[in-house]
Amino acid sequence: MTYVPLDTIAGQLRNGTATAAGLMADAAARHDATEERLNAYRIWAGPRADVQARALDVLMGTGIDLGPLMGIPISTKDLYGVPGLPVHAGTDTEFAQEWQRPGPVMNRVLTQGGIVTGKTHTVEFAFGGLGTNPHWGTPVNPWSAPDAPRAPGGSSSGAGVSLAQGSALAALGTDTAGSVRIPASFTGQTALKVTHGRWSLEGIVPLSPSLDTPGLLARSIADLAFLFAAIDGGKSVGPASGGPRIGVIENIVWEETDAAVAANTRAALTKLEAAGAALTAVHLPDLDRVLDLFRRGGLAAPELRAFLDARHPERIARLDPAVMARVVAADEISASDYLQRRALLAEAAGTASEVFDRVDLLVSPTVPISAPLLKEVADPDAYRRANMLALRNTAIVNLLGWCATTLPTGVDGNGIPTGLQIIAPARQEERLLAASLWAEGVLGAGPDLLGPPPL
């Protein structure tokens, strides 16, 4: 599969050298060839997407341009409302039809003529970092050996797989503690977690309204920048003109890190420094307290429990056991404890953000471990340990209120991609993307750096 950037594809659609129908036909062929093994989608919407693509080609042929995303095949995490497509949110039962109403983010895609290829799998209620789902089966990491399937990363588990599969050219996910960055890192893609509150959560099944954010996955940072501008409604972002001041987080984020992940991250930082970045080791205060709170359920466990108690108490007994354990444990969190948790996070965020007076960005390994074998995390204790490690570095960004990207740095000893997480202050997505574009220019875009997955 030859990589062509989204902005180039958008130009080809408009000058007639590519068609939306042709893009969808290619996406469908790639889906059909590998979906039985990879299991990216809860619902594949290929036939209706083909009809939409042909209609969009007619419109473009008459000079009508609905926006940058017109004719682009985009997979959508099964939390988003899309008219005519059921919402399960990773559960065993379809949600009421009201949840099919699109919110503002999805409306930006639909009104521009973006083509939804289908609803991709998610961890139940998006509450997990490995991507497992016992109700519908777990998507398989496309970089796995055929006889040794590995986790795709979660909770937007099908999203990264759909991009590696080639059944979509972009993907919508959500991110509460790393849920777009982890699957992007494990599958060799890029991802953007926006600042909480920048984009509306309306039309998306919630996990933790205090931390949830819509998120984007794409094949390159250049594609992320294209998608961000299209959805955010602003100007396109170009690469930063020079090397930024980068703070390398040194406390906690390197603990228990796989040797190959650490080596790939350090090698990437060496290349960035040689290209002009100024690297400084930084120590973030209060990370121990923040992550201890996260391990005890953070805000997500009590907020999901509140949603279920109010709207769907009948679903609790049928939850994925890995999700149920945290939902049930939330019964022990009092109102006072919950408010104290919010206060602790607000205080920690204020103190930690002072680091951006000295540096432009922060970096860490995106995920400190390799994607585990699915058979290994079938054991509940092994799952809990791997899940917390997978989420640790990315969760810091959500808990402290920042925005972040991830981009590939190579592959580890298991042949699984590794990622570099780049972090910026709240509401600084444009600065973040500009610096990430600069970094991608130094390190190489994922499709060139990694080559195609073995599928």
Foldseek 3Di string as FASTA:
>chain_A
DDDDALQVVLVCLLVVVDFLLRLLVQLVVLCVVPCVQFVFAPDFPSVVLNVLRVVLSVCSVVPDFQFSQASFEEEEALFFAAPPAWHDQLALDTDDNVLNDGDLLVCLCVSRHHRHRHHTAFARLFPFWQQAHPNRGGGFQLQADSVFTFTLTARSRSRLVSCLSSSGQKYKDKDQQQHQPLNCQQNFWKKKFAFQPLDDPPSGRHQFNLQMTIMMIHQFLQNVQSSCCSRSVHDGFAADPAAWAEEEEDPPLQPPFDPQLVVLQVVLVVLSVVRGHHYDYDYQPPLVVLLVCVLLVQRRLLRNLVCCVVPNVVRLVVHDVLNNVSNVSSVPQDPVNNVVSLVSLAVSLVRRVVVCVPTFKYKGWQARYHGGGPVQVVDPVSVSVNRSRRRSPRNVCSSNRWMWMWGWREAGPSSTTTIMIIIGGHPPVSVRSNNSNVSCVRRPGSCVRNPRRPD
